[in-house]
C-alpha atoms as a PDB file:
ATOM      1  CA  MET A   1     -49.985  50.654  51.720  1.00  0.00           C
ATOM      2  CA  SER A   2     -46.697  51.554  53.270  1.00  0.00           C
ATOM      3  CA  SER A   3     -46.099  53.978  55.582  1.00  0.00           C
ATOM      4  CA  SER A   4     -42.915  55.241  53.714  1.00  0.00           C
ATOM      5  CA  VAL A   5     -42.363  55.048  50.034  1.00  0.00           C
ATOM      6  CA  LEU A   6     -44.709  53.056  47.572  1.00  0.00           C
ATOM      7  CA  ILE A   7     -43.263  50.371  45.464  1.00  0.00           C
ATOM      8  CA  SER A   8     -44.775  49.761  42.034  1.00  0.00           C
ATOM      9  CA  PRO A   9     -43.556  46.937  40.251  1.00  0.00           C
ATOM     10  CA  SER A  10     -43.535  47.032  36.233  1.00  0.00           C
ATOM     11  CA  ILE A  11     -45.207  44.469  34.495  1.00  0.00           C
ATOM     12  CA  LEU A  12     -43.149  45.320  31.474  1.00  0.00           C
ATOM     13  CA  ALA A  13     -40.369  42.990  33.012  1.00  0.00           C
ATOM     14  CA  ALA A  14     -42.499  40.277  34.040  1.00  0.00           C
ATOM     15  CA  ASP A  15     -42.866  36.704  32.472  1.00  0.00           C
ATOM     16  CA  PHE A  16     -46.252  37.360  30.256  1.00  0.00           C
ATOM     17  CA  VAL A  17     -46.440  33.690  30.004  1.00  0.00           C
ATOM     18  CA  ARG A  18     -47.220  33.491  33.599  1.00  0.00           C
ATOM     19  CA  LEU A  19     -48.464  36.954  33.957  1.00  0.00           C
ATOM     20  CA  ALA A  20     -51.291  36.187  36.358  1.00  0.00           C
ATOM     21  CA  ASP A  21     -48.764  34.280  38.527  1.00  0.00           C
ATOM     22  CA  GLU A  22     -46.399  36.912  38.569  1.00  0.00           C
ATOM     23  CA  ILE A  23     -48.809  39.555  39.468  1.00  0.00           C
ATOM     24  CA  ALA A  24     -49.986  37.520  42.556  1.00  0.00           C
ATOM     25  CA  ALA A  25     -46.519  36.965  43.544  1.00  0.00           C
ATOM     26  CA  VAL A  26     -45.783  40.923  43.830  1.00  0.00           C
ATOM     27  CA  GLU A  27     -48.886  41.231  45.416  1.00  0.00           C
ATOM     28  CA  GLN A  28     -48.124  39.004  47.818  1.00  0.00           C
ATOM     29  CA  ALA A  29     -44.473  40.164  48.098  1.00  0.00           C
ATOM     30  CA  GLY A  30     -45.936  43.588  49.148  1.00  0.00           C
ATOM     31  CA  ALA A  31     -46.297  45.849  46.399  1.00  0.00           C
ATOM     32  CA  ASP A  32     -48.565  48.925  46.815  1.00  0.00           C
ATOM     33  CA  LEU A  33     -49.470  49.349  43.317  1.00  0.00           C
ATOM     34  CA  LEU A  34     -49.294  47.624  39.960  1.00  0.00           C
ATOM     35  CA  HIS A  35     -47.111  49.826  36.998  1.00  0.00           C
ATOM     36  CA  ILE A  36     -48.563  48.978  33.531  1.00  0.00           C
ATOM     37  CA  ASP A  37     -46.628  50.497  30.660  1.00  0.00           C
ATOM     38  CA  VAL A  38     -48.696  51.006  27.374  1.00  0.00           C
ATOM     39  CA  MET A  39     -46.487  51.828  24.023  1.00  0.00           C
ATOM     40  CA  ASP A  40     -47.940  52.550  20.758  1.00  0.00           C
ATOM     41  CA  GLY A  41     -44.973  52.210  18.393  1.00  0.00           C
ATOM     42  CA  HIS A  42     -44.979  55.953  17.708  1.00  0.00           C
ATOM     43  CA  PHE A  43     -44.457  58.111  20.771  1.00  0.00           C
ATOM     44  CA  VAL A  44     -41.970  55.234  21.652  1.00  0.00           C
ATOM     45  CA  PRO A  45     -40.359  52.662  19.792  1.00  0.00           C
ATOM     46  CA  ASN A  46     -41.901  49.677  21.431  1.00  0.00           C
ATOM     47  CA  LEU A  47     -45.295  48.262  21.323  1.00  0.00           C
ATOM     48  CA  THR A  48     -46.944  47.074  24.294  1.00  0.00           C
ATOM     49  CA  ILE A  49     -50.693  46.276  25.643  1.00  0.00           C
ATOM     50  CA  GLY A  50     -53.782  47.860  25.374  1.00  0.00           C
ATOM     51  CA  PRO A  51     -56.955  48.211  27.197  1.00  0.00           C
ATOM     52  CA  PRO A  52     -58.311  44.201  27.207  1.00  0.00           C
ATOM     53  CA  VAL A  53     -55.043  43.113  28.637  1.00  0.00           C
ATOM     54  CA  ILE A  54     -55.682  45.914  31.624  1.00  0.00           C
ATOM     55  CA  GLU A  55     -59.129  44.355  31.880  1.00  0.00           C
ATOM     56  CA  SER A  56     -57.885  40.834  32.278  1.00  0.00           C
ATOM     57  CA  ILE A  57     -55.202  41.959  34.815  1.00  0.00           C
ATOM     58  CA  LYS A  58     -57.988  43.952  37.148  1.00  0.00           C
ATOM     59  CA  LYS A  59     -59.691  40.384  37.472  1.00  0.00           C
ATOM     60  CA  VAL A  60     -56.936  39.042  39.026  1.00  0.00           C
ATOM     61  CA  THR A  61     -55.491  41.544  41.216  1.00  0.00           C
ATOM     62  CA  LYS A  62     -56.432  43.896  44.198  1.00  0.00           C
ATOM     63  CA  LEU A  63     -53.704  46.280  43.488  1.00  0.00           C
ATOM     64  CA  PRO A  64     -54.605  49.560  42.300  1.00  0.00           C
ATOM     65  CA  LEU A  65     -53.522  49.683  38.418  1.00  0.00           C
ATOM     66  CA  ASP A  66     -50.915  52.508  37.700  1.00  0.00           C
ATOM     67  CA  VAL A  67     -51.296  52.865  33.867  1.00  0.00           C
ATOM     68  CA  HIS A  68     -48.715  54.692  32.247  1.00  0.00           C
ATOM     69  CA  LEU A  69     -49.867  55.750  28.675  1.00  0.00           C
ATOM     70  CA  MET A  70     -46.718  56.369  26.358  1.00  0.00           C
ATOM     71  CA  ILE A  71     -49.101  57.067  23.213  1.00  0.00           C
ATOM     72  CA  THR A  72     -49.457  59.956  21.063  1.00  0.00           C
ATOM     73  CA  ASN A  73     -53.476  59.997  21.171  1.00  0.00           C
ATOM     74  CA  ALA A  74     -54.143  59.527  24.675  1.00  0.00           C
ATOM     75  CA  ASP A  75     -57.631  61.515  24.529  1.00  0.00           C
ATOM     76  CA  THR A  76     -59.107  59.116  22.130  1.00  0.00           C
ATOM     77  CA  PHE A  77     -58.202  55.855  24.572  1.00  0.00           C
ATOM     78  CA  ILE A  78     -58.882  57.432  28.001  1.00  0.00           C
ATOM     79  CA  PRO A  79     -62.538  56.102  28.120  1.00  0.00           C
ATOM     80  CA  GLU A  80     -61.180  52.636  27.310  1.00  0.00           C
ATOM     81  CA  PHE A  81     -58.581  52.701  29.810  1.00  0.00           C
ATOM     82  CA  VAL A  82     -60.932  53.846  32.412  1.00  0.00           C
ATOM     83  CA  ALA A  83     -63.406  51.392  31.420  1.00  0.00           C
ATOM     84  CA  ALA A  84     -60.751  48.540  31.693  1.00  0.00           C
ATOM     85  CA  GLY A  85     -60.150  49.330  35.171  1.00  0.00           C
ATOM     86  CA  ALA A  86     -57.113  51.949  35.612  1.00  0.00           C
ATOM     87  CA  ASN A  87     -56.782  53.505  38.967  1.00  0.00           C
ATOM     88  CA  TYR A  88     -54.157  55.965  37.719  1.00  0.00           C
ATOM     89  CA  ILE A  89     -53.854  57.157  34.490  1.00  0.00           C
ATOM     90  CA  THR A  90     -50.636  59.146  33.411  1.00  0.00           C
ATOM     91  CA  VAL A  91     -49.812  60.911  30.194  1.00  0.00           C
ATOM     92  CA  HIS A  92     -46.748  62.461  28.908  1.00  0.00           C
ATOM     93  CA  VAL A  93     -46.550  66.537  28.770  1.00  0.00           C
ATOM     94  CA  GLU A  94     -44.762  65.933  25.230  1.00  0.00           C
ATOM     95  CA  ALA A  95     -47.330  63.755  23.701  1.00  0.00           C
ATOM     96  CA  CYS A  96     -50.447  66.068  24.833  1.00  0.00           C
ATOM     97  CA  PRO A  97     -50.916  69.204  23.287  1.00  0.00           C
ATOM     98  CA  HIS A  98     -53.984  70.181  25.157  1.00  0.00           C
ATOM     99  CA  LEU A  99     -52.875  68.755  28.398  1.00  0.00           C
ATOM    100  CA  HIS A 100     -55.111  70.479  30.602  1.00  0.00           C
ATOM    101  CA  ARG A 101     -58.227  69.094  28.793  1.00  0.00           C
ATOM    102  CA  THR A 102     -56.379  65.796  29.026  1.00  0.00           C
ATOM    103  CA  ILE A 103     -55.962  65.693  32.545  1.00  0.00           C
ATOM    104  CA  GLN A 104     -59.678  67.072  33.148  1.00  0.00           C
ATOM    105  CA  SER A 105     -60.853  64.103  30.899  1.00  0.00           C
ATOM    106  CA  ILE A 106     -58.974  61.563  33.294  1.00  0.00           C
ATOM    107  CA  LYS A 107     -60.599  63.340  36.797  1.00  0.00           C
ATOM    108  CA  GLU A 108     -63.992  63.662  35.352  1.00  0.00           C
ATOM    109  CA  ARG A 109     -64.045  59.938  34.972  1.00  0.00           C
ATOM    110  CA  GLY A 110     -63.159  59.228  38.322  1.00  0.00           C
ATOM    111  CA  VAL A 111     -59.631  58.058  37.874  1.00  0.00           C
ATOM    112  CA  LYS A 112     -56.575  59.839  39.310  1.00  0.00           C
ATOM    113  CA  ALA A 113     -54.578  61.646  36.858  1.00  0.00           C
ATOM    114  CA  GLY A 114     -50.985  61.803  36.395  1.00  0.00           C
ATOM    115  CA  VAL A 115     -48.272  63.769  34.150  1.00  0.00           C
ATOM    116  CA  THR A 116     -44.979  62.446  33.014  1.00  0.00           C
ATOM    117  CA  LEU A 117     -41.811  63.911  31.917  1.00  0.00           C
ATOM    118  CA  ASN A 118     -39.048  62.547  29.843  1.00  0.00           C
ATOM    119  CA  PRO A 119     -35.397  62.866  31.059  1.00  0.00           C
ATOM    120  CA  ALA A 120     -34.800  65.887  28.698  1.00  0.00           C
ATOM    121  CA  THR A 121     -38.078  67.962  29.381  1.00  0.00           C
ATOM    122  CA  PRO A 122     -37.722  70.776  31.776  1.00  0.00           C
ATOM    123  CA  VAL A 123     -39.743  71.081  34.985  1.00  0.00           C
ATOM    124  CA  SER A 124     -41.072  74.423  33.957  1.00  0.00           C
ATOM    125  CA  VAL A 125     -43.709  72.588  31.812  1.00  0.00           C
ATOM    126  CA  LEU A 126     -45.356  71.654  35.081  1.00  0.00           C
ATOM    127  CA  GLN A 127     -45.876  75.178  36.023  1.00  0.00           C
ATOM    128  CA  GLU A 128     -49.497  75.499  34.965  1.00  0.00           C
ATOM    129  CA  ILE A 129     -50.838  71.943  35.623  1.00  0.00           C
ATOM    130  CA  LEU A 130     -48.944  70.978  38.508  1.00  0.00           C
ATOM    131  CA  ALA A 131     -51.999  71.786  40.909  1.00  0.00           C
ATOM    132  CA  ASP A 132     -54.210  69.664  38.996  1.00  0.00           C
ATOM    133  CA  VAL A 133     -52.666  66.537  39.241  1.00  0.00           C
ATOM    134  CA  ASP A 134     -52.629  63.392  41.516  1.00  0.00           C
ATOM    135  CA  LEU A 135     -49.398  61.968  40.319  1.00  0.00           C
ATOM    136  CA  VAL A 136     -46.096  63.339  38.666  1.00  0.00           C
ATOM    137  CA  LEU A 137     -44.379  60.597  36.936  1.00  0.00           C
ATOM    138  CA  VAL A 138     -40.225  61.442  36.386  1.00  0.00           C
ATOM    139  CA  MET A 139     -38.712  59.144  33.801  1.00  0.00           C
ATOM    140  CA  SER A 140     -35.235  58.519  34.564  1.00  0.00           C
ATOM    141  CA  VAL A 141     -34.376  56.387  31.268  1.00  0.00           C
ATOM    142  CA  ASN A 142     -35.418  57.565  27.854  1.00  0.00           C
ATOM    143  CA  PRO A 143     -38.963  55.514  27.765  1.00  0.00           C
ATOM    144  CA  GLY A 144     -39.744  52.707  25.369  1.00  0.00           C
ATOM    145  CA  PHE A 145     -37.563  49.657  26.552  1.00  0.00           C
ATOM    146  CA  GLY A 146     -37.028  47.915  30.353  1.00  0.00           C
ATOM    147  CA  GLY A 147     -33.762  47.180  31.711  1.00  0.00           C
ATOM    148  CA  GLN A 148     -32.007  50.639  31.269  1.00  0.00           C
ATOM    149  CA  LYS A 149     -29.585  52.515  33.308  1.00  0.00           C
ATOM    150  CA  PHE A 150     -30.882  55.372  35.627  1.00  0.00           C
ATOM    151  CA  ILE A 151     -29.603  58.645  34.612  1.00  0.00           C
ATOM    152  CA  PRO A 152     -28.231  60.348  37.273  1.00  0.00           C
ATOM    153  CA  SER A 153     -28.944  63.888  36.376  1.00  0.00           C
ATOM    154  CA  VAL A 154     -32.690  63.226  36.727  1.00  0.00           C
ATOM    155  CA  LEU A 155     -31.978  63.556  40.427  1.00  0.00           C
ATOM    156  CA  LYS A 156     -31.832  67.251  40.433  1.00  0.00           C
ATOM    157  CA  LYS A 157     -35.105  67.252  38.503  1.00  0.00           C
ATOM    158  CA  ILE A 158     -36.671  65.280  41.184  1.00  0.00           C
ATOM    159  CA  VAL A 159     -35.739  67.847  43.749  1.00  0.00           C
ATOM    160  CA  ALA A 160     -37.086  70.474  41.830  1.00  0.00           C
ATOM    161  CA  ILE A 161     -40.480  68.802  41.420  1.00  0.00           C
ATOM    162  CA  ARG A 162     -40.337  68.024  45.245  1.00  0.00           C
ATOM    163  CA  GLU A 163     -40.085  71.733  45.731  1.00  0.00           C
ATOM    164  CA  MET A 164     -42.747  73.017  43.446  1.00  0.00           C
ATOM    165  CA  LEU A 165     -45.219  70.304  44.933  1.00  0.00           C
ATOM    166  CA  ASP A 166     -44.010  71.185  48.558  1.00  0.00           C
ATOM    167  CA  ARG A 167     -44.841  75.108  47.720  1.00  0.00           C
ATOM    168  CA  LEU A 168     -48.237  73.997  46.258  1.00  0.00           C
ATOM    169  CA  GLN A 169     -48.773  71.891  49.548  1.00  0.00           C
ATOM    170  CA  SER A 170     -49.891  69.381  47.086  1.00  0.00           C
ATOM    171  CA  ARG A 171     -50.363  65.576  47.939  1.00  0.00           C
ATOM    172  CA  ALA A 172     -49.653  64.603  44.629  1.00  0.00           C
ATOM    173  CA  LEU A 173     -47.359  61.444  44.462  1.00  0.00           C
ATOM    174  CA  LEU A 174     -43.749  61.810  42.850  1.00  0.00           C
ATOM    175  CA  GLU A 175     -43.028  58.782  40.902  1.00  0.00           C
ATOM    176  CA  VAL A 176     -39.638  57.791  39.548  1.00  0.00           C
ATOM    177  CA  ASP A 177     -39.559  54.987  37.030  1.00  0.00           C
ATOM    178  CA  GLY A 178     -36.290  53.762  35.155  1.00  0.00           C
ATOM    179  CA  GLY A 179     -33.416  52.030  36.353  1.00  0.00           C
ATOM    180  CA  VAL A 180     -34.507  51.928  39.722  1.00  0.00           C
ATOM    181  CA  LYS A 181     -32.641  49.609  42.115  1.00  0.00           C
ATOM    182  CA  PRO A 182     -31.921  49.130  45.784  1.00  0.00           C
ATOM    183  CA  ASP A 183     -28.644  50.504  45.259  1.00  0.00           C
ATOM    184  CA  ASN A 184     -29.692  53.811  44.059  1.00  0.00           C
ATOM    185  CA  ALA A 185     -33.019  53.853  45.690  1.00  0.00           C
ATOM    186  CA  ALA A 186     -31.999  55.870  48.564  1.00  0.00           C
ATOM    187  CA  GLN A 187     -30.625  58.917  46.480  1.00  0.00           C
ATOM    188  CA  ILE A 188     -34.178  58.840  44.609  1.00  0.00           C
ATOM    189  CA  ILE A 189     -35.936  58.868  47.679  1.00  0.00           C
ATOM    190  CA  ALA A 190     -33.883  61.389  49.323  1.00  0.00           C
ATOM    191  CA  ALA A 191     -34.373  63.701  46.214  1.00  0.00           C
ATOM    192  CA  GLY A 192     -38.022  63.592  47.118  1.00  0.00           C
ATOM    193  CA  ALA A 193     -39.708  60.543  45.584  1.00  0.00           C
ATOM    194  CA  THR A 194     -42.636  58.729  47.264  1.00  0.00           C
ATOM    195  CA  VAL A 195     -43.430  55.988  44.501  1.00  0.00           C
ATOM    196  CA  LEU A 196     -40.394  53.834  43.034  1.00  0.00           C
ATOM    197  CA  VAL A 197     -41.539  51.893  39.896  1.00  0.00           C
ATOM    198  CA  ALA A 198     -39.226  48.908  39.632  1.00  0.00           C
ATOM    199  CA  GLY A 199     -39.068  46.428  36.602  1.00  0.00           C
ATOM    200  CA  SER A 200     -36.155  44.144  36.104  1.00  0.00           C
ATOM    201  CA  ALA A 201     -34.986  44.885  39.622  1.00  0.00           C
ATOM    202  CA  ILE A 202     -37.915  43.088  40.994  1.00  0.00           C
ATOM    203  CA  PHE A 203     -38.662  40.492  38.453  1.00  0.00           C
ATOM    204  CA  ALA A 204     -35.241  39.391  37.479  1.00  0.00           C
ATOM    205  CA  SER A 205     -34.442  38.940  41.046  1.00  0.00           C
ATOM    206  CA  ARG A 206     -35.177  35.201  42.659  1.00  0.00           C
ATOM    207  CA  ASP A 207     -36.831  36.872  45.708  1.00  0.00           C
ATOM    208  CA  TYR A 208     -39.370  39.535  44.912  1.00  0.00           C
ATOM    209  CA  ALA A 209     -40.398  40.363  48.465  1.00  0.00           C
ATOM    210  CA  GLY A 210     -36.619  40.671  49.607  1.00  0.00           C
ATOM    211  CA  THR A 211     -36.111  43.228  46.700  1.00  0.00           C
ATOM    212  CA  ILE A 212     -39.303  45.107  47.540  1.00  0.00           C
ATOM    213  CA  ALA A 213     -38.118  44.991  51.134  1.00  0.00           C
ATOM    214  CA  ALA A 214     -34.527  46.277  50.112  1.00  0.00           C
ATOM    215  CA  LEU A 215     -36.352  48.992  48.161  1.00  0.00           C
ATOM    216  CA  ARG A 216     -38.031  49.978  51.118  1.00  0.00           C
ATOM    217  CA  THR A 217     -35.207  49.852  53.468  1.00  0.00           C
ATOM    218  CA  ALA A 218     -33.369  52.168  51.461  1.00  0.00           C
ATOM    219  CA  GLY A 219     -35.832  54.765  51.961  1.00  0.00           C
ATOM    220  CA  GLN A 220     -36.299  54.191  55.801  1.00  0.00           C
ATOM    221  CA  PRO A 221     -33.996  57.310  56.488  1.00  0.00           C
ATOM    222  CA  ALA A 222     -36.280  59.688  54.277  1.00  0.00           C
ATOM    223  CA  ALA A 223     -39.468  57.939  55.901  1.00  0.00           C
ATOM    224  CA  SER A 224     -40.406  60.756  58.391  1.00  0.00           C
ATOM    225  CA  THR A 225     -40.523  63.397  55.344  1.00  0.00           C
ATOM    226  CA  THR A 226     -42.284  61.137  52.766  1.00  0.00           C
ATOM    227  CA  THR A 227     -44.951  59.679  55.059  1.00  0.00           C
ATOM    228  CA  SER A 228     -46.835  62.790  54.842  1.00  0.00           C
ATOM    229  CA  ARG A 229     -46.880  63.281  51.121  1.00  0.00           C
ATOM    230  CA  ALA A 230     -48.010  59.991  50.169  1.00  0.00           C
ATOM    231  CA  ALA A 231     -51.488  60.358  49.365  1.00  0.00           C
ATOM    232  CA  SER A 232     -54.246  57.718  49.475  1.00  0.00           C
ATOM    233  CA  LEU A 233     -54.249  55.118  46.698  1.00  0.00           C
ATOM    234  CA  ARG A 234     -57.899  54.556  46.333  1.00  0.00           C
END
């Protein structure tokens, strides 16, 4: 695990014909987690993968699996994703009407629980749940498809959530997903992020290790403030 920010490559941008090789490559390149987007075609306009694929991924990597559920009926499938090997399961506040129950269901099964906000969702919805989560994921694009551009206004949201976590003295990870690249990583980290999800920035590059290193280098000025906030992954 990095002593500064953590890097979580998103396999949504990987070559699925060579998925095991792609995962091995980012693991060797220094990734800290593996971000897996699960989409149902209802909550977001796309379909991706389910528990059987995650179970297969678990067999070929030692990286913690950072499973992001973009689905409307997360409660129904939580046991399956836990059984498949998820280390983190993150759900959307917009899709979980009984959010506290959902978070507790994840944690009771021995998996770390996260909560996600879409770009237009206010941070105020976190007020009653923030103390219970291990991770907050801020979407910096509208979810559903990879390769989108970072929405700059989300930086203010990251700052606000960082302040909320610090007031609680929370060790929860603050993750940002969407349009993250080496040229904007410094701003995202300065705002308070401790985990960067990067898909096309890594998998579309010719040098996975170099890109991951560039993301880390962007965060070096903020390393002293982010080190103490990065919780243990396992």
